[in-house]
């Protein structure tokens, strides 16, 4: 498998969710990626994902990442992924590449991205902020469609 294809698969997996069938080698690689990353590694990964999402025109006006910050985040993410694939999870990487190909990397890094995002979302400040929109909802209208009623 060419290196540019691996890079593309890893980036796509970290940034999107999909429906693909995991095999034993992608499962092993995913478990290794998650266990080999520290809380700081996961935070770095979330920061990198956020910095790239901030480029989208729909959110660019409410977020800003300077070019030097983006470059530093790219360097940190590249070092993390390289360390995971070539050192921490070397055996699992080799087996996944040999037996399952690109889909194994997509699924394994998708799992790592999900775990990293779950850790971020579990922060009380983040969780609380996501619930604040509810104060602008009309409870009466929600009850009219059957929401909020006990069974």
N, C-alpha and C. Protein backbone atom coordinates (compact mmCIF):
# COMPACT_ATOMS: atom_id res chain seq x y z
N UNK A 1 0.84 -1.16 0.00
CA UNK A 1 0.00 0.00 0.00
C UNK A 1 0.90 1.24 0.00
N UNK A 2 0.61 2.16 -0.89
CA UNK A 2 1.42 3.38 -0.99
C UNK A 2 1.20 4.26 0.24
N UNK A 3 2.27 4.98 0.63
CA UNK A 3 2.23 5.83 1.82
C UNK A 3 1.17 6.91 1.69
N UNK A 4 1.01 7.52 0.52
CA UNK A 4 0.02 8.59 0.37
C UNK A 4 -1.39 8.06 0.58
N UNK A 5 -1.64 6.82 0.22
CA UNK A 5 -2.95 6.23 0.44
C UNK A 5 -3.19 6.05 1.93
N UNK A 6 -2.17 5.58 2.65
CA UNK A 6 -2.29 5.41 4.10
C UNK A 6 -2.58 6.76 4.75
N UNK A 7 -1.84 7.79 4.38
CA UNK A 7 -2.06 9.12 4.95
C UNK A 7 -3.49 9.57 4.71
N UNK A 8 -3.98 9.40 3.50
CA UNK A 8 -5.34 9.82 3.16
C UNK A 8 -6.36 9.06 3.99
N UNK A 9 -6.17 7.78 4.14
CA UNK A 9 -7.11 6.95 4.90
C UNK A 9 -7.13 7.37 6.36
N UNK A 10 -5.96 7.60 6.94
CA UNK A 10 -5.87 8.00 8.34
C UNK A 10 -6.58 9.33 8.55
N UNK A 11 -6.32 10.29 7.70
CA UNK A 11 -6.95 11.61 7.83
C UNK A 11 -8.46 11.49 7.69
N UNK A 12 -8.92 10.77 6.69
CA UNK A 12 -10.36 10.61 6.48
C UNK A 12 -11.00 9.93 7.68
N UNK A 13 -10.37 8.94 8.22
CA UNK A 13 -10.93 8.21 9.35
C UNK A 13 -11.03 9.08 10.59
N UNK A 14 -10.05 9.92 10.82
CA UNK A 14 -10.07 10.77 12.00
C UNK A 14 -11.14 11.85 11.89
N UNK A 15 -11.55 12.17 10.70
CA UNK A 15 -12.46 13.29 10.51
C UNK A 15 -13.88 12.89 10.16
N UNK A 16 -14.16 11.63 9.97
CA UNK A 16 -15.50 11.25 9.54
C UNK A 16 -15.86 9.88 10.11
N UNK A 17 -17.15 9.67 10.20
CA UNK A 17 -17.65 8.37 10.62
C UNK A 17 -18.23 7.66 9.40
N UNK A 18 -18.13 6.37 9.40
CA UNK A 18 -18.67 5.61 8.29
C UNK A 18 -19.16 4.27 8.76
N UNK A 19 -19.74 3.53 7.86
CA UNK A 19 -20.26 2.21 8.20
C UNK A 19 -19.48 1.17 7.42
N UNK A 20 -18.49 0.60 8.06
CA UNK A 20 -17.69 -0.44 7.43
C UNK A 20 -17.52 -1.57 8.43
N UNK A 21 -17.27 -2.74 7.94
CA UNK A 21 -17.13 -3.92 8.79
C UNK A 21 -15.69 -4.06 9.27
N UNK A 22 -15.54 -4.11 10.58
CA UNK A 22 -14.22 -4.30 11.16
C UNK A 22 -13.83 -5.77 11.09
N UNK A 23 -12.55 -5.99 10.89
CA UNK A 23 -12.00 -7.34 10.93
C UNK A 23 -11.13 -7.48 12.15
N UNK A 24 -10.58 -8.66 12.37
CA UNK A 24 -9.77 -8.87 13.58
C UNK A 24 -8.52 -7.99 13.62
N UNK A 25 -7.94 -7.69 12.47
CA UNK A 25 -6.71 -6.90 12.48
C UNK A 25 -7.00 -5.41 12.69
N UNK A 26 -8.10 -4.92 12.14
CA UNK A 26 -8.47 -3.53 12.41
C UNK A 26 -8.91 -3.38 13.86
N UNK A 27 -9.58 -4.40 14.40
CA UNK A 27 -9.94 -4.37 15.82
C UNK A 27 -8.69 -4.30 16.70
N UNK A 28 -7.72 -5.16 16.39
CA UNK A 28 -6.47 -5.16 17.16
C UNK A 28 -5.75 -3.82 17.05
N UNK A 29 -5.69 -3.29 15.85
CA UNK A 29 -5.02 -2.00 15.65
C UNK A 29 -5.76 -0.90 16.40
N UNK A 30 -7.08 -0.89 16.31
CA UNK A 30 -7.86 0.12 17.02
C UNK A 30 -7.65 0.07 18.52
N UNK A 31 -7.67 -1.14 19.08
CA UNK A 31 -7.43 -1.28 20.52
C UNK A 31 -6.03 -0.78 20.89
N UNK A 32 -5.08 -1.10 20.05
CA UNK A 32 -3.71 -0.66 20.33
C UNK A 32 -3.61 0.87 20.27
N UNK A 33 -4.21 1.47 19.24
CA UNK A 33 -4.15 2.93 19.12
C UNK A 33 -4.74 3.60 20.34
N UNK A 34 -5.89 3.11 20.79
CA UNK A 34 -6.55 3.71 21.95
C UNK A 34 -5.70 3.52 23.21
N UNK A 35 -5.18 2.31 23.42
CA UNK A 35 -4.42 2.07 24.64
C UNK A 35 -3.04 2.74 24.63
N UNK A 36 -2.51 3.01 23.45
CA UNK A 36 -1.18 3.62 23.35
C UNK A 36 -1.21 5.14 23.41
N UNK A 37 -2.41 5.72 23.44
CA UNK A 37 -2.49 7.18 23.48
C UNK A 37 -2.81 7.65 24.89
N UNK A 38 -2.11 8.67 25.29
CA UNK A 38 -2.34 9.28 26.60
C UNK A 38 -3.50 10.27 26.48
N UNK A 39 -3.93 10.77 27.61
CA UNK A 39 -4.95 11.82 27.61
C UNK A 39 -4.46 13.02 26.82
N UNK A 40 -3.18 13.35 26.94
CA UNK A 40 -2.63 14.48 26.19
C UNK A 40 -2.63 14.18 24.69
N UNK A 41 -2.29 12.95 24.30
CA UNK A 41 -2.34 12.58 22.88
C UNK A 41 -3.74 12.77 22.32
N UNK A 42 -4.73 12.33 23.08
CA UNK A 42 -6.12 12.45 22.62
C UNK A 42 -6.53 13.93 22.53
N UNK A 43 -6.09 14.72 23.49
CA UNK A 43 -6.37 16.15 23.45
C UNK A 43 -5.71 16.80 22.23
N UNK A 44 -4.49 16.40 21.94
CA UNK A 44 -3.79 16.93 20.76
C UNK A 44 -4.54 16.56 19.49
N UNK A 45 -5.04 15.35 19.45
CA UNK A 45 -5.79 14.89 18.29
C UNK A 45 -7.08 15.70 18.11
N UNK A 46 -7.80 15.93 19.19
CA UNK A 46 -9.03 16.73 19.12
C UNK A 46 -8.70 18.16 18.68
N UNK A 47 -7.62 18.71 19.19
CA UNK A 47 -7.23 20.07 18.79
C UNK A 47 -6.92 20.13 17.29
N UNK A 48 -6.26 19.09 16.77
CA UNK A 48 -5.93 19.04 15.35
C UNK A 48 -7.20 18.93 14.51
N UNK A 49 -8.12 18.06 14.92
CA UNK A 49 -9.39 17.92 14.19
C UNK A 49 -10.14 19.24 14.21
N UNK A 50 -10.22 19.87 15.37
CA UNK A 50 -10.92 21.15 15.48
C UNK A 50 -10.28 22.21 14.60
N UNK A 51 -8.95 22.27 14.58
CA UNK A 51 -8.27 23.30 13.79
C UNK A 51 -8.58 23.15 12.31
N UNK A 52 -8.76 21.93 11.86
CA UNK A 52 -9.09 21.72 10.46
C UNK A 52 -10.57 21.97 10.19
N UNK A 53 -11.42 21.59 11.12
CA UNK A 53 -12.85 21.87 10.96
C UNK A 53 -13.10 23.37 10.96
N UNK A 54 -12.26 24.13 11.66
CA UNK A 54 -12.42 25.58 11.73
C UNK A 54 -12.23 26.25 10.37
N UNK A 55 -11.69 25.54 9.41
CA UNK A 55 -11.51 26.10 8.07
C UNK A 55 -12.80 26.13 7.26
N UNK A 56 -13.79 25.37 7.70
CA UNK A 56 -15.05 25.31 6.95
C UNK A 56 -15.73 26.68 6.98
N UNK A 57 -16.22 27.14 5.85
CA UNK A 57 -16.85 28.46 5.80
C UNK A 57 -18.01 28.65 6.78
N UNK A 58 -18.70 27.58 7.13
CA UNK A 58 -19.83 27.71 8.05
C UNK A 58 -19.42 28.01 9.48
N UNK A 59 -18.17 27.78 9.84
CA UNK A 59 -17.72 28.06 11.21
C UNK A 59 -16.51 28.98 11.26
N UNK A 60 -16.00 29.35 10.12
CA UNK A 60 -14.79 30.17 10.09
C UNK A 60 -14.97 31.50 10.82
N UNK A 61 -16.19 32.03 10.83
CA UNK A 61 -16.42 33.32 11.47
C UNK A 61 -16.48 33.23 13.00
N UNK A 62 -16.57 32.02 13.55
CA UNK A 62 -16.64 31.89 15.01
C UNK A 62 -15.42 31.16 15.59
N UNK A 63 -14.46 30.90 14.75
CA UNK A 63 -13.24 30.25 15.23
C UNK A 63 -12.07 30.73 14.40
N UNK A 64 -10.93 30.81 15.03
CA UNK A 64 -9.76 31.19 14.25
C UNK A 64 -8.54 30.43 14.77
N UNK A 65 -7.80 29.92 13.83
CA UNK A 65 -6.54 29.25 14.12
C UNK A 65 -5.53 29.88 13.19
N UNK A 66 -4.50 30.44 13.75
CA UNK A 66 -3.50 31.12 12.92
C UNK A 66 -2.69 30.09 12.12
N UNK A 67 -2.11 30.50 11.01
CA UNK A 67 -1.26 29.57 10.25
C UNK A 67 -0.14 28.95 11.09
N UNK A 68 0.54 29.72 11.94
CA UNK A 68 1.57 29.06 12.79
C UNK A 68 0.96 28.04 13.76
N UNK A 69 -0.21 28.34 14.32
CA UNK A 69 -0.86 27.38 15.21
C UNK A 69 -1.23 26.11 14.44
N UNK A 70 -1.80 26.29 13.24
CA UNK A 70 -2.20 25.14 12.41
C UNK A 70 -0.98 24.29 12.06
N UNK A 71 0.12 24.94 11.73
CA UNK A 71 1.34 24.22 11.39
C UNK A 71 1.83 23.41 12.59
N UNK A 72 1.80 24.02 13.77
CA UNK A 72 2.23 23.30 14.98
C UNK A 72 1.30 22.13 15.27
N UNK A 73 0.02 22.32 15.12
CA UNK A 73 -0.94 21.23 15.35
C UNK A 73 -0.73 20.11 14.33
N UNK A 74 -0.43 20.45 13.09
CA UNK A 74 -0.12 19.44 12.07
C UNK A 74 1.12 18.64 12.44
N UNK A 75 2.14 19.34 12.95
CA UNK A 75 3.37 18.66 13.36
C UNK A 75 3.11 17.69 14.51
N UNK A 76 2.33 18.13 15.48
CA UNK A 76 2.03 17.28 16.64
C UNK A 76 1.21 16.06 16.19
N UNK A 77 0.22 16.27 15.35
CA UNK A 77 -0.62 15.16 14.86
C UNK A 77 0.21 14.17 14.04
N UNK A 78 1.07 14.69 13.19
CA UNK A 78 1.91 13.82 12.36
C UNK A 78 2.84 12.98 13.23
N UNK A 79 3.43 13.60 14.23
CA UNK A 79 4.33 12.86 15.13
C UNK A 79 3.55 11.79 15.90
N UNK A 80 2.35 12.11 16.33
CA UNK A 80 1.53 11.15 17.06
C UNK A 80 1.18 9.96 16.18
N UNK A 81 0.66 10.22 14.98
CA UNK A 81 0.26 9.13 14.09
C UNK A 81 1.48 8.29 13.70
N UNK A 82 2.58 8.94 13.40
CA UNK A 82 3.80 8.21 13.04
C UNK A 82 4.26 7.32 14.19
N UNK A 83 4.26 7.86 15.41
CA UNK A 83 4.67 7.08 16.57
C UNK A 83 3.76 5.87 16.77
N UNK A 84 2.46 6.09 16.63
CA UNK A 84 1.51 5.00 16.81
C UNK A 84 1.72 3.89 15.79
N UNK A 85 1.87 4.28 14.52
CA UNK A 85 1.96 3.28 13.45
C UNK A 85 3.32 2.59 13.38
N UNK A 86 4.37 3.31 13.70
CA UNK A 86 5.71 2.74 13.49
C UNK A 86 6.39 2.24 14.76
N UNK A 87 5.86 2.63 15.93
CA UNK A 87 6.49 2.22 17.18
C UNK A 87 5.48 1.51 18.09
N UNK A 88 4.57 2.27 18.66
CA UNK A 88 3.66 1.73 19.66
C UNK A 88 2.81 0.56 19.15
N UNK A 89 2.33 0.67 17.94
CA UNK A 89 1.44 -0.35 17.37
C UNK A 89 2.01 -0.94 16.09
N UNK A 90 3.31 -1.07 16.06
CA UNK A 90 4.01 -1.53 14.86
C UNK A 90 3.51 -2.89 14.37
N UNK A 91 3.44 -3.87 15.26
CA UNK A 91 3.01 -5.21 14.87
C UNK A 91 1.58 -5.19 14.34
N UNK A 92 0.70 -4.50 15.04
CA UNK A 92 -0.70 -4.42 14.61
C UNK A 92 -0.83 -3.68 13.28
N UNK A 93 0.00 -2.66 13.07
CA UNK A 93 -0.01 -1.92 11.81
C UNK A 93 0.40 -2.84 10.66
N UNK A 94 1.47 -3.58 10.87
CA UNK A 94 1.95 -4.48 9.82
C UNK A 94 0.90 -5.54 9.48
N UNK A 95 0.29 -6.12 10.49
CA UNK A 95 -0.71 -7.16 10.25
C UNK A 95 -1.96 -6.58 9.58
N UNK A 96 -2.39 -5.42 10.02
CA UNK A 96 -3.57 -4.78 9.42
C UNK A 96 -3.31 -4.46 7.95
N UNK A 97 -2.13 -3.93 7.65
CA UNK A 97 -1.80 -3.61 6.26
C UNK A 97 -1.75 -4.87 5.41
N UNK A 98 -1.18 -5.93 5.95
CA UNK A 98 -1.01 -7.17 5.20
C UNK A 98 -2.34 -7.88 4.95
N UNK A 99 -3.18 -7.96 5.97
CA UNK A 99 -4.37 -8.80 5.87
C UNK A 99 -5.68 -8.06 5.56
N UNK A 100 -5.76 -6.77 5.88
CA UNK A 100 -7.02 -6.07 5.68
C UNK A 100 -6.90 -4.80 4.85
N UNK A 101 -5.71 -4.28 4.69
CA UNK A 101 -5.52 -3.11 3.85
C UNK A 101 -6.07 -1.82 4.45
N UNK A 102 -6.40 -0.90 3.56
CA UNK A 102 -6.78 0.45 3.96
C UNK A 102 -7.96 0.54 4.89
N UNK A 103 -8.93 -0.34 4.74
CA UNK A 103 -10.11 -0.27 5.60
C UNK A 103 -9.74 -0.46 7.06
N UNK A 104 -8.72 -1.24 7.33
CA UNK A 104 -8.29 -1.46 8.72
C UNK A 104 -7.83 -0.15 9.35
N UNK A 105 -7.12 0.66 8.59
CA UNK A 105 -6.65 1.94 9.12
C UNK A 105 -7.81 2.90 9.31
N UNK A 106 -8.73 2.88 8.36
CA UNK A 106 -9.90 3.75 8.47
C UNK A 106 -10.65 3.43 9.76
N UNK A 107 -10.93 2.16 9.99
CA UNK A 107 -11.70 1.76 11.16
C UNK A 107 -10.94 1.99 12.46
N UNK A 108 -9.67 1.67 12.47
CA UNK A 108 -8.88 1.82 13.69
C UNK A 108 -8.76 3.29 14.10
N UNK A 109 -8.49 4.17 13.14
CA UNK A 109 -8.36 5.58 13.48
C UNK A 109 -9.71 6.23 13.74
N UNK A 110 -10.74 5.69 13.15
CA UNK A 110 -12.09 6.16 13.45
C UNK A 110 -12.39 5.91 14.93
N UNK A 111 -12.03 4.72 15.40
CA UNK A 111 -12.22 4.39 16.81
C UNK A 111 -11.42 5.35 17.70
N UNK A 112 -10.18 5.58 17.35
CA UNK A 112 -9.36 6.50 18.15
C UNK A 112 -9.98 7.89 18.17
N UNK A 113 -10.43 8.38 17.03
CA UNK A 113 -11.08 9.69 16.97
C UNK A 113 -12.32 9.75 17.84
N UNK A 114 -13.13 8.68 17.81
CA UNK A 114 -14.33 8.64 18.64
C UNK A 114 -13.99 8.67 20.12
N UNK A 115 -13.00 7.90 20.51
CA UNK A 115 -12.61 7.87 21.92
C UNK A 115 -12.09 9.25 22.35
N UNK A 116 -11.29 9.87 21.51
CA UNK A 116 -10.76 11.19 21.83
C UNK A 116 -11.89 12.21 21.97
N UNK A 117 -12.87 12.16 21.08
CA UNK A 117 -14.00 13.10 21.15
C UNK A 117 -14.86 12.81 22.38
N UNK A 118 -15.04 11.54 22.73
CA UNK A 118 -15.82 11.21 23.92
C UNK A 118 -15.17 11.78 25.17
N UNK A 119 -13.85 11.70 25.24
CA UNK A 119 -13.15 12.26 26.40
C UNK A 119 -13.36 13.77 26.48
N UNK A 120 -13.33 14.45 25.33
CA UNK A 120 -13.55 15.88 25.32
C UNK A 120 -14.98 16.21 25.75
N UNK A 121 -15.93 15.45 25.21
CA UNK A 121 -17.34 15.71 25.48
C UNK A 121 -17.70 15.40 26.93
N UNK A 122 -16.92 14.57 27.61
CA UNK A 122 -17.22 14.23 28.99
C UNK A 122 -16.82 15.33 29.97
N UNK A 123 -16.12 16.34 29.48
CA UNK A 123 -15.77 17.47 30.32
C UNK A 123 -17.06 18.17 30.76
N UNK A 124 -17.24 18.43 32.05
CA UNK A 124 -18.49 19.04 32.53
C UNK A 124 -18.84 20.37 31.85
N UNK A 125 -17.86 21.19 31.57
CA UNK A 125 -18.14 22.47 30.92
C UNK A 125 -18.68 22.26 29.51
N UNK A 126 -18.09 21.31 28.79
CA UNK A 126 -18.53 21.03 27.43
C UNK A 126 -19.93 20.41 27.45
N UNK A 127 -20.12 19.41 28.30
CA UNK A 127 -21.43 18.77 28.40
C UNK A 127 -22.52 19.75 28.77
N UNK A 128 -22.24 20.61 29.74
CA UNK A 128 -23.21 21.62 30.16
C UNK A 128 -23.54 22.61 29.05
N UNK A 129 -22.54 23.00 28.29
CA UNK A 129 -22.77 23.94 27.20
C UNK A 129 -23.68 23.35 26.13
N UNK A 130 -23.54 22.03 25.87
CA UNK A 130 -24.39 21.41 24.87
C UNK A 130 -25.85 21.39 25.30
N UNK A 131 -26.12 21.41 26.60
CA UNK A 131 -27.49 21.40 27.08
C UNK A 131 -28.14 22.77 27.14
N UNK A 132 -27.36 23.83 27.02
CA UNK A 132 -27.89 25.18 27.17
C UNK A 132 -28.91 25.58 26.11
N UNK A 133 -28.85 24.97 24.94
CA UNK A 133 -29.80 25.35 23.89
C UNK A 133 -31.23 25.00 24.28
N UNK A 134 -31.40 24.05 25.18
CA UNK A 134 -32.75 23.60 25.56
C UNK A 134 -33.59 24.71 26.16
N UNK A 135 -32.95 25.71 26.76
CA UNK A 135 -33.72 26.80 27.37
C UNK A 135 -34.45 27.63 26.31
N UNK A 136 -34.13 27.44 25.05
CA UNK A 136 -34.79 28.18 23.98
C UNK A 136 -35.85 27.35 23.27
N UNK A 137 -36.09 26.15 23.75
CA UNK A 137 -37.08 25.27 23.13
C UNK A 137 -38.42 25.43 23.82
N UNK A 138 -39.49 25.24 23.07
CA UNK A 138 -40.84 25.34 23.57
C UNK A 138 -41.29 23.96 24.07
N UNK A 139 -41.33 23.80 25.38
CA UNK A 139 -41.69 22.50 25.95
C UNK A 139 -43.09 22.07 25.58
N UNK A 140 -44.00 23.01 25.47
CA UNK A 140 -45.38 22.69 25.11
C UNK A 140 -45.44 22.04 23.73
N UNK A 141 -44.72 22.59 22.77
CA UNK A 141 -44.69 22.03 21.42
C UNK A 141 -44.07 20.64 21.41
N UNK A 142 -43.06 20.43 22.22
CA UNK A 142 -42.44 19.11 22.30
C UNK A 142 -43.40 18.09 22.90
N UNK A 143 -44.15 18.49 23.92
CA UNK A 143 -45.13 17.58 24.52
C UNK A 143 -46.24 17.26 23.52
N UNK A 144 -46.60 18.20 22.67
CA UNK A 144 -47.66 17.99 21.68
C UNK A 144 -47.29 16.86 20.70
N UNK A 145 -46.02 16.65 20.47
CA UNK A 145 -45.60 15.56 19.56
C UNK A 145 -45.20 14.31 20.34
N UNK A 146 -45.45 14.31 21.64
CA UNK A 146 -45.20 13.11 22.43
C UNK A 146 -43.84 13.04 23.11
N UNK A 147 -43.09 14.12 23.07
CA UNK A 147 -41.79 14.15 23.75
C UNK A 147 -41.95 14.70 25.15
N UNK A 148 -41.17 14.15 26.05
CA UNK A 148 -41.18 14.64 27.42
C UNK A 148 -42.29 14.06 28.28
N UNK A 149 -43.05 13.11 27.73
CA UNK A 149 -44.11 12.49 28.51
C UNK A 149 -43.64 11.17 29.08
N UNK A 150 -44.05 10.88 30.28
CA UNK A 150 -43.68 9.61 30.91
C UNK A 150 -44.55 8.50 30.34
N UNK A 151 -43.99 7.30 30.37
CA UNK A 151 -44.76 6.13 29.90
C UNK A 151 -45.11 5.28 31.07
